[in-house]
Amino acid sequence: MDRSLEGLWRRRSADFWKEASPYIRYMLQSGFPAFLSLVGIAFLVSYGSFLRQVPEHYPIALTGAAVLLPFVCWSPLRSWLVPADTVFLMPRESGMKPYILRSARRGLIVTSIWTAVVLIAFLPLYYKGTVPVHPLAAAAVLAVLKCLHAYAAWIERRMTYSSARRLYRLLRWALTIIILVSLFTFPLWKTLLFLLGAAGVVYAALKLPRKHRFPWERLIIEEARTRRGYYRFFSMFIDVPAAGTAVAKRAYLSWLPSLVPYRRRSTYTFLYTQTITRTETGGILLRLTGLGALSSFFAAQSGSLNGWAAVALCCLFTAVLGMQLGAVRHAHRYTVWQHVYPLPVATRFQSLLRAARTAHLICAVLIACFTVIPLALQSLWLPAATAALFVLLYAAVIAPYRLSARMAKENEDD
């Protein structure tokens, strides 16, 4: 490897973590690790209770495939590239292969560790049903899948058109879920045959689209998105420098801002509604809502801890939604145009609270529906009422009050 490129990779990695270290320290001092510990303990207790009373026809193979799928297909690539590299580093493109291989190895090792942890957590449930494949053989198949996904993800990054990239990603995710279900259902040789056939189909298909030799633009976009993710997480504990905002179209949510009345005093309400629905915050809220609804539903269906495990998950995801929405207060806080245009600045505070409360209620009530209804159908009325009451109280009163207090304190500091 070119020694200067190796030094550049190490220097940029060290600079990023040196820059992030103060925010990590604030996060550790905030009590968040203790919160995660409590979540882990609650998960272990509910999972242990579920293992003692697994329903007779519970879809173990499908559950294992669904849980492992995102970890197997997850192929991040921290390249540390910035926009200026298209000018100063592009002339050395022919020597970038070892540089990227170093990033790929790092990403593969980290995601493989997470995959191994999830597999180990799944094994007690796996042994509750038929065990067609030895766990070591299953781990070897997952390792092969991880390597194949890393290679396919790199080819997808090189594709010229984003539509082709999304199509091929959907193809390999669909084939992977079939392979994982087969792995936990049928003998190993059948899974290997299908794996070889699927790998051949994907490999042949990957040769069809047009590709860049080195995807500078794609790698720079992914690196910027990863940095924004870190800063957005740290912003839940302390103010951090702005790292830019990615805007997504999300046509399926475009009707929500149109519900805001078209009048001057609703300007900031419209602005924060657009901010929540079109930025990365909206994507996080959607993923949390989906994950919370599924987790709570399965816990409620199994009746773990007489329904209280589902209540705990519902309350947990409701609280996490509030933490994510708290980061919206940093949006448009220091923008100059709000002092240039004749906007009702005095309404910004209330507009933010209104938009955050509405978004929180919509997402939390959706999670509560997947918790309360299954519990009510099993006549577990007390847990169902507790979940419904907590969701409404927290999303409508507690979270807005905490957000209001935090914004008031920040205004005093300013």
Protein backbone atom coordinates (compact mmCIF):
# COMPACT_ATOMS: atom_id res chain seq x y z
CA MET A 1 0.00 0.00 0.00
CA ASP A 2 1.13 3.52 -0.69
CA ARG A 3 2.40 4.69 2.72
CA SER A 4 0.99 8.22 2.32
CA LEU A 5 -2.50 6.87 1.60
CA GLU A 6 -2.26 4.54 4.59
CA GLY A 7 -1.24 7.48 6.74
CA LEU A 8 -4.11 9.56 5.36
CA TRP A 9 -6.64 6.86 6.27
CA ARG A 10 -5.29 6.55 9.80
CA ARG A 11 -5.03 10.30 10.29
CA ARG A 12 -8.61 10.94 9.19
CA SER A 13 -9.92 8.14 11.37
CA ALA A 14 -8.00 9.44 14.37
CA ASP A 15 -9.13 13.02 13.72
CA PHE A 16 -12.79 12.02 13.62
CA TRP A 17 -12.67 10.08 16.88
CA LYS A 18 -10.62 12.82 18.52
CA GLU A 19 -13.31 15.30 17.48
CA ALA A 20 -16.08 12.99 18.72
CA SER A 21 -14.43 12.07 22.04
CA PRO A 22 -15.82 15.07 24.02
CA TYR A 23 -19.34 14.24 22.86
CA ILE A 24 -18.83 10.58 23.76
CA ARG A 25 -17.77 11.68 27.23
CA TYR A 26 -20.92 13.79 27.63
CA MET A 27 -23.02 10.87 26.43
CA LEU A 28 -21.41 8.54 28.99
CA GLN A 29 -22.00 11.06 31.77
CA SER A 30 -25.66 11.53 30.82
CA GLY A 31 -26.83 8.20 32.21
CA PHE A 32 -27.51 6.79 28.76
CA PRO A 33 -25.34 3.69 29.39
CA ALA A 34 -27.38 2.98 32.53
CA PHE A 35 -30.54 3.35 30.45
CA LEU A 36 -29.17 0.86 27.92
CA SER A 37 -28.31 -1.51 30.75
CA LEU A 38 -31.88 -1.37 32.01
CA VAL A 39 -33.14 -2.00 28.48
CA GLY A 40 -30.81 -4.97 28.16
CA ILE A 41 -31.95 -6.40 31.48
CA ALA A 42 -35.61 -5.94 30.50
CA PHE A 43 -34.95 -7.66 27.17
CA LEU A 44 -33.18 -10.61 28.82
CA VAL A 45 -35.99 -11.03 31.34
CA SER A 46 -38.73 -10.90 28.71
CA TYR A 47 -36.74 -13.10 26.32
CA GLY A 48 -36.14 -15.67 29.07
CA SER A 49 -39.82 -15.66 29.95
CA PHE A 50 -40.71 -16.13 26.29
CA LEU A 51 -38.30 -19.08 25.95
CA ARG A 52 -40.02 -20.86 28.83
CA GLN A 53 -43.38 -20.72 27.05
CA VAL A 54 -42.74 -20.67 23.30
CA PRO A 55 -46.02 -21.32 21.43
CA GLU A 56 -46.24 -24.68 19.72
CA HIS A 57 -46.39 -23.36 16.15
CA TYR A 58 -44.23 -20.29 16.63
CA PRO A 59 -42.32 -19.40 13.38
CA ILE A 60 -38.80 -19.85 14.76
CA ALA A 61 -37.06 -19.99 11.38
CA LEU A 62 -38.83 -16.87 10.12
CA THR A 63 -38.04 -15.01 13.34
CA GLY A 64 -34.36 -15.91 13.12
CA ALA A 65 -34.22 -14.90 9.47
CA ALA A 66 -35.94 -11.56 10.18
CA VAL A 67 -33.63 -10.75 13.09
CA LEU A 68 -30.43 -11.73 11.29
CA LEU A 69 -31.33 -10.22 7.90
CA PRO A 70 -30.33 -6.57 8.59
CA PHE A 71 -27.06 -7.62 10.23
CA VAL A 72 -26.13 -10.02 7.42
CA CYS A 73 -26.95 -7.50 4.68
CA TRP A 74 -25.47 -4.50 6.52
CA SER A 75 -22.27 -3.53 4.67
CA PRO A 76 -21.10 -0.05 5.76
CA LEU A 77 -17.95 1.52 4.35
CA ARG A 78 -16.25 4.35 6.26
CA SER A 79 -14.04 5.83 3.55
CA TRP A 80 -13.31 9.15 5.37
CA LEU A 81 -13.58 10.88 1.98
CA VAL A 82 -14.65 14.54 1.73
CA PRO A 83 -15.74 16.66 -1.27
CA ALA A 84 -12.28 18.19 -1.67
CA ASP A 85 -10.89 14.72 -2.47
CA THR A 86 -12.46 14.89 -5.93
CA VAL A 87 -9.82 17.53 -6.68
CA PHE A 88 -6.80 16.59 -4.59
CA LEU A 89 -7.10 12.80 -4.29
CA MET A 90 -8.76 11.82 -7.56
CA PRO A 91 -5.48 11.98 -9.54
CA ARG A 92 -4.32 9.05 -7.40
CA GLU A 93 -7.40 6.95 -8.14
CA SER A 94 -5.31 4.06 -9.47
CA GLY A 95 -3.79 3.60 -6.01
CA MET A 96 -7.03 3.77 -4.04
CA LYS A 97 -7.78 0.04 -4.04
CA PRO A 98 -5.73 -0.78 -0.89
CA TYR A 99 -7.18 2.31 0.80
CA ILE A 100 -10.75 1.09 0.22
CA LEU A 101 -9.88 -2.50 1.11
CA ARG A 102 -8.76 -1.23 4.52
CA SER A 103 -12.17 0.45 5.00
CA ALA A 104 -13.96 -2.69 3.77
CA ARG A 105 -12.06 -4.94 6.19
CA ARG A 106 -12.91 -2.65 9.10
CA GLY A 107 -16.60 -2.59 8.21
CA LEU A 108 -16.72 -6.35 7.67
CA ILE A 109 -15.11 -7.10 11.03
CA VAL A 110 -17.44 -4.78 12.98
CA THR A 111 -20.63 -6.04 11.33
CA SER A 112 -19.52 -9.67 11.64
CA ILE A 113 -19.14 -9.22 15.40
CA TRP A 114 -22.68 -7.84 15.62
CA THR A 115 -23.97 -10.71 13.48
CA ALA A 116 -22.28 -13.23 15.77
CA VAL A 117 -23.86 -11.60 18.84
CA VAL A 118 -27.34 -11.78 17.29
CA LEU A 119 -26.80 -15.41 16.24
CA ILE A 120 -25.75 -16.36 19.78
CA ALA A 121 -28.86 -14.61 21.16
CA PHE A 122 -31.04 -16.52 18.69
CA LEU A 123 -29.60 -19.97 19.47
CA PRO A 124 -31.72 -20.64 22.61
CA LEU A 125 -34.86 -20.06 20.54
CA TYR A 126 -33.39 -22.09 17.67
CA TYR A 127 -32.96 -25.11 19.93
CA LYS A 128 -36.65 -24.91 20.91
CA GLY A 129 -37.58 -26.21 17.45
CA THR A 130 -36.02 -28.62 14.99
CA VAL A 131 -32.29 -28.10 14.48
CA PRO A 132 -31.57 -29.11 10.88
CA VAL A 133 -28.17 -27.38 10.83
CA HIS A 134 -25.44 -27.32 13.49
CA PRO A 135 -24.83 -23.79 14.83
CA LEU A 136 -21.19 -23.84 13.69
CA ALA A 137 -22.28 -24.71 10.16
CA ALA A 138 -24.89 -21.95 10.30
CA ALA A 139 -22.20 -19.50 11.46
CA ALA A 140 -19.99 -20.53 8.52
CA VAL A 141 -22.87 -19.91 6.08
CA LEU A 142 -23.50 -16.49 7.63
CA ALA A 143 -19.80 -15.64 7.29
CA VAL A 144 -19.93 -16.52 3.59
CA LEU A 145 -23.08 -14.42 3.20
CA LYS A 146 -21.39 -11.46 4.90
CA CYS A 147 -18.48 -11.59 2.46
CA LEU A 148 -20.79 -11.91 -0.55
CA HIS A 149 -22.86 -8.95 0.63
CA ALA A 150 -19.76 -6.83 1.16
CA TYR A 151 -18.67 -7.53 -2.42
CA ALA A 152 -22.16 -6.93 -3.86
CA ALA A 153 -22.53 -3.69 -1.88
CA TRP A 154 -19.26 -2.41 -3.37
CA ILE A 155 -20.46 -3.17 -6.89
CA GLU A 156 -23.76 -1.41 -6.14
CA ARG A 157 -21.88 1.69 -4.96
CA ARG A 158 -20.18 1.82 -8.33
CA MET A 159 -23.47 1.79 -10.27
CA THR A 160 -24.19 4.96 -12.20
CA TYR A 161 -27.93 5.19 -11.49
CA SER A 162 -29.49 5.17 -8.04
CA SER A 163 -32.59 3.33 -9.32
CA ALA A 164 -30.41 0.38 -10.39
CA ARG A 165 -28.66 0.49 -7.03
CA ARG A 166 -31.97 0.25 -5.14
CA LEU A 167 -33.24 -2.55 -7.40
CA TYR A 168 -30.16 -4.71 -6.89
CA ARG A 169 -30.16 -4.08 -3.16
CA LEU A 170 -33.78 -5.23 -3.00
CA LEU A 171 -32.87 -8.33 -5.01
CA ARG A 172 -30.06 -9.44 -2.70
CA TRP A 173 -32.11 -8.72 0.44
CA ALA A 174 -35.02 -10.79 -0.91
CA LEU A 175 -32.72 -13.70 -1.80
CA THR A 176 -31.01 -13.47 1.59
CA ILE A 177 -34.24 -13.80 3.57
CA ILE A 178 -35.05 -16.94 1.57
CA ILE A 179 -31.57 -18.34 2.25
CA LEU A 180 -31.85 -17.64 5.99
CA VAL A 181 -35.27 -19.26 6.26
CA SER A 182 -33.93 -22.27 4.36
CA LEU A 183 -30.87 -22.40 6.63
CA PHE A 184 -33.03 -22.81 9.75
CA THR A 185 -35.60 -25.09 8.10
CA PHE A 186 -33.95 -27.55 5.68
CA PRO A 187 -30.76 -29.64 5.63
CA LEU A 188 -27.55 -27.77 4.93
CA TRP A 189 -26.98 -29.16 1.43
CA LYS A 190 -30.25 -27.72 0.17
CA THR A 191 -29.38 -24.29 1.53
CA LEU A 192 -25.92 -24.46 -0.05
CA LEU A 193 -27.38 -25.36 -3.43
CA PHE A 194 -29.76 -22.43 -3.29
CA LEU A 195 -26.97 -20.15 -2.05
CA LEU A 196 -24.75 -21.08 -4.99
CA GLY A 197 -27.59 -20.53 -7.44
CA ALA A 198 -28.54 -17.18 -5.90
CA ALA A 199 -24.90 -16.03 -5.84
CA GLY A 200 -24.55 -16.92 -9.52
CA VAL A 201 -27.71 -15.03 -10.44
CA VAL A 202 -26.67 -11.92 -8.50
CA TYR A 203 -23.11 -12.05 -9.87
CA ALA A 204 -24.40 -12.24 -13.44
CA ALA A 205 -26.95 -9.49 -12.82
CA LEU A 206 -24.34 -7.17 -11.30
CA LYS A 207 -22.48 -7.12 -14.62
CA LEU A 208 -25.42 -5.53 -16.47
CA PRO A 209 -25.65 -1.92 -15.15
CA ARG A 210 -23.23 0.82 -16.08
CA LYS A 211 -20.65 1.52 -13.37
CA HIS A 212 -18.02 4.02 -12.35
CA ARG A 213 -14.51 2.79 -11.92
CA PHE A 214 -14.33 4.37 -8.48
CA PRO A 215 -17.52 5.78 -6.87
CA TRP A 216 -16.13 9.03 -5.46
CA GLU A 217 -19.49 10.78 -5.22
CA ARG A 218 -21.28 7.83 -3.61
CA LEU A 219 -18.55 7.31 -1.00
CA ILE A 220 -18.51 11.02 -0.12
CA ILE A 221 -22.32 11.03 0.31
CA GLU A 222 -22.22 7.92 2.52
CA GLU A 223 -19.43 9.36 4.66
CA ALA A 224 -21.33 12.63 5.14
CA ARG A 225 -24.48 10.69 6.07
CA THR A 226 -22.58 8.63 8.63
CA ARG A 227 -21.11 11.75 10.22
CA ARG A 228 -24.55 13.35 10.40
CA GLY A 229 -25.84 10.22 12.13
CA TYR A 230 -23.15 10.45 14.81
CA TYR A 231 -23.75 14.16 15.37
CA ARG A 232 -27.50 13.69 15.48
CA PHE A 233 -27.03 11.07 18.18
CA PHE A 234 -24.69 13.30 20.17
CA SER A 235 -27.13 16.23 19.83
CA MET A 236 -29.51 14.38 22.14
CA PHE A 237 -27.05 15.05 24.98
CA ILE A 238 -25.31 18.33 24.09
CA ASP A 239 -25.21 20.96 21.35
CA VAL A 240 -22.95 19.90 18.49
CA PRO A 241 -21.82 21.70 15.34
CA ALA A 242 -24.19 21.41 12.39
CA ALA A 243 -23.10 18.79 9.88
CA GLY A 244 -25.63 19.49 7.14
CA THR A 245 -29.03 17.96 6.54
CA ALA A 246 -30.04 15.41 3.94
CA VAL A 247 -33.50 15.94 2.44
CA ALA A 248 -35.65 13.03 1.26
CA LYS A 249 -38.72 13.40 -0.95
CA ARG A 250 -40.96 10.84 0.84
CA ALA A 251 -43.94 11.34 -1.44
CA TYR A 252 -46.07 9.11 0.79
CA LEU A 253 -45.81 11.77 3.54
CA SER A 254 -46.10 14.84 1.32
CA TRP A 255 -49.78 15.26 2.20
CA LEU A 256 -49.07 15.93 5.88
CA PRO A 257 -47.71 19.51 5.50
CA SER A 258 -50.76 20.39 3.41
CA LEU A 259 -52.88 19.96 6.56
CA VAL A 260 -51.23 23.00 8.10
CA PRO A 261 -53.44 26.11 7.59
CA TYR A 262 -52.13 28.53 4.98
CA ARG A 263 -51.65 31.63 7.12
CA ARG A 264 -48.79 33.73 8.41
CA ARG A 265 -48.81 32.53 12.02
CA SER A 266 -48.56 28.91 10.81
CA THR A 267 -45.29 29.54 8.94
CA TYR A 268 -43.09 27.82 11.51
CA THR A 269 -45.59 25.00 12.00
CA PHE A 270 -45.36 24.28 8.26
CA LEU A 271 -41.56 24.57 8.36
CA TYR A 272 -41.10 22.15 11.26
CA THR A 273 -43.63 19.73 9.76
CA GLN A 274 -41.56 19.67 6.58
CA THR A 275 -38.40 19.29 8.66
CA ILE A 276 -39.75 16.24 10.47
CA THR A 277 -41.22 14.54 7.39
CA ARG A 278 -38.43 15.21 4.88
CA THR A 279 -35.18 15.05 6.85
CA GLU A 280 -33.36 12.08 8.36
CA THR A 281 -35.33 12.58 11.56
CA GLY A 282 -38.45 11.42 9.74
CA GLY A 283 -36.70 8.32 8.49
CA ILE A 284 -35.55 7.47 12.02
CA LEU A 285 -39.07 7.98 13.36
CA LEU A 286 -40.52 5.67 10.70
CA ARG A 287 -37.99 2.94 11.44
CA LEU A 288 -38.47 3.23 15.19
CA THR A 289 -42.25 3.12 14.78
CA GLY A 290 -42.08 0.00 12.61
CA LEU A 291 -39.61 -1.75 14.92
CA GLY A 292 -41.55 -0.76 18.02
CA ALA A 293 -44.86 -1.91 16.55
CA LEU A 294 -43.46 -5.30 15.52
CA SER A 295 -41.59 -5.87 18.79
CA SER A 296 -44.57 -4.91 20.93
CA PHE A 297 -46.95 -6.99 18.80
CA PHE A 298 -44.88 -10.18 19.08
CA ALA A 299 -44.38 -9.63 22.82
CA ALA A 300 -48.11 -9.03 23.28
CA GLN A 301 -49.02 -12.08 21.20
CA SER A 302 -46.75 -14.31 23.26
CA GLY A 303 -48.15 -12.92 26.52
CA SER A 304 -44.66 -12.64 28.04
CA LEU A 305 -44.74 -11.68 31.74
CA ASN A 306 -48.53 -11.59 31.54
CA GLY A 307 -48.37 -8.82 28.95
CA TRP A 308 -46.02 -6.52 30.87
CA ALA A 309 -43.11 -7.26 28.52
CA ALA A 310 -45.12 -5.74 25.66
CA VAL A 311 -45.97 -2.75 27.86
CA ALA A 312 -42.27 -2.24 28.63
CA LEU A 313 -41.37 -2.33 24.93
CA CYS A 314 -44.19 0.07 24.06
CA CYS A 315 -43.09 2.53 26.76
CA LEU A 316 -39.44 2.18 25.74
CA PHE A 317 -40.04 3.01 22.08
CA THR A 318 -42.35 5.87 23.04
CA ALA A 319 -39.53 7.36 25.14
CA VAL A 320 -36.96 6.85 22.38
CA LEU A 321 -39.25 8.60 19.90
CA GLY A 322 -39.31 11.58 22.25
CA MET A 323 -35.51 11.61 22.43
CA GLN A 324 -35.26 11.66 18.64
CA LEU A 325 -37.81 14.45 18.28
CA GLY A 326 -35.87 16.48 20.83
CA ALA A 327 -33.14 16.94 18.22
CA VAL A 328 -35.56 18.92 16.01
CA ARG A 329 -35.08 21.94 18.28
CA HIS A 330 -31.66 22.49 16.70
CA ALA A 331 -33.16 22.82 13.20
CA HIS A 332 -33.30 26.41 11.89
CA ARG A 333 -32.08 27.68 15.25
CA TYR A 334 -29.28 29.84 13.87
CA THR A 335 -30.48 30.41 10.31
CA VAL A 336 -30.15 34.02 9.15
CA TRP A 337 -33.21 34.16 6.88
CA GLN A 338 -35.63 34.07 9.82
CA HIS A 339 -34.33 37.54 10.76
CA VAL A 340 -34.50 38.79 7.17
CA TYR A 341 -38.04 37.84 6.21
CA PRO A 342 -41.05 39.22 8.14
CA LEU A 343 -41.82 35.95 9.92
CA PRO A 344 -43.61 35.63 13.28
CA VAL A 345 -40.49 34.70 15.24
CA ALA A 346 -42.46 34.69 18.50
CA THR A 347 -44.45 31.67 17.28
CA ARG A 348 -41.39 29.49 16.55
CA PHE A 349 -41.31 28.03 20.05
CA GLN A 350 -44.97 26.99 20.12
CA SER A 351 -44.88 25.81 16.50
CA LEU A 352 -41.98 23.49 17.25
CA LEU A 353 -43.78 22.06 20.27
CA ARG A 354 -46.96 21.57 18.24
CA ALA A 355 -45.21 19.79 15.38
CA ALA A 356 -43.13 17.59 17.71
CA ARG A 357 -46.16 16.69 19.86
CA THR A 358 -48.25 15.76 16.82
CA ALA A 359 -45.51 13.61 15.29
CA HIS A 360 -44.85 11.93 18.64
CA LEU A 361 -48.53 11.17 19.19
CA ILE A 362 -49.02 9.71 15.70
CA CYS A 363 -46.01 7.38 15.97
CA ALA A 364 -46.60 6.42 19.60
CA VAL A 365 -50.31 5.70 19.08
CA LEU A 366 -49.44 3.43 16.16
CA ILE A 367 -47.10 1.45 18.41
CA ALA A 368 -49.74 1.41 21.15
CA CYS A 369 -52.33 -0.02 18.75
CA PHE A 370 -50.08 -3.02 18.08
CA THR A 371 -49.70 -3.45 21.84
CA VAL A 372 -53.13 -2.70 23.29
CA ILE A 373 -55.28 -4.59 20.79
CA PRO A 374 -53.48 -7.99 21.13
CA LEU A 375 -53.44 -7.59 24.93
CA ALA A 376 -57.14 -6.72 25.00
CA LEU A 377 -57.98 -9.75 22.84
CA GLN A 378 -56.29 -11.91 25.51
CA SER A 379 -58.28 -10.12 28.26
CA LEU A 380 -55.09 -8.60 29.72
CA TRP A 381 -56.92 -5.38 30.51
CA LEU A 382 -54.56 -3.87 33.09
CA PRO A 383 -51.40 -4.03 30.91
CA ALA A 384 -53.40 -2.77 27.92
CA ALA A 385 -54.78 0.20 29.88
CA THR A 386 -51.32 0.95 31.31
CA ALA A 387 -49.73 1.04 27.85
CA ALA A 388 -52.46 3.27 26.43
CA LEU A 389 -52.34 5.66 29.40
CA PHE A 390 -48.53 5.93 29.34
CA VAL A 391 -48.40 6.59 25.60
CA LEU A 392 -50.98 9.36 25.75
CA LEU A 393 -49.53 10.93 28.90
CA TYR A 394 -45.91 10.80 27.75
CA ALA A 395 -46.41 11.90 24.13
CA ALA A 396 -48.98 14.61 24.88
CA VAL A 397 -47.68 16.01 28.19
CA ILE A 398 -44.34 14.76 29.51
CA ALA A 399 -42.24 14.86 26.32
CA PRO A 400 -43.48 18.34 25.25
CA TYR A 401 -42.87 19.65 28.79
CA ARG A 402 -39.29 18.32 28.78
CA LEU A 403 -38.69 19.73 25.30
CA SER A 404 -40.09 23.09 26.40
CA ALA A 405 -37.89 23.17 29.50
CA ARG A 406 -34.81 22.26 27.48
CA MET A 407 -35.47 24.97 24.89
CA ALA A 408 -36.07 27.56 27.62
CA LYS A 409 -32.74 26.68 29.24
CA GLU A 410 -30.92 26.89 25.91
CA ASN A 411 -32.50 30.32 25.22
CA GLU A 412 -31.25 31.53 28.62
CA ASP A 413 -27.74 30.27 27.83
CA ASP A 414 -27.81 32.10 24.50
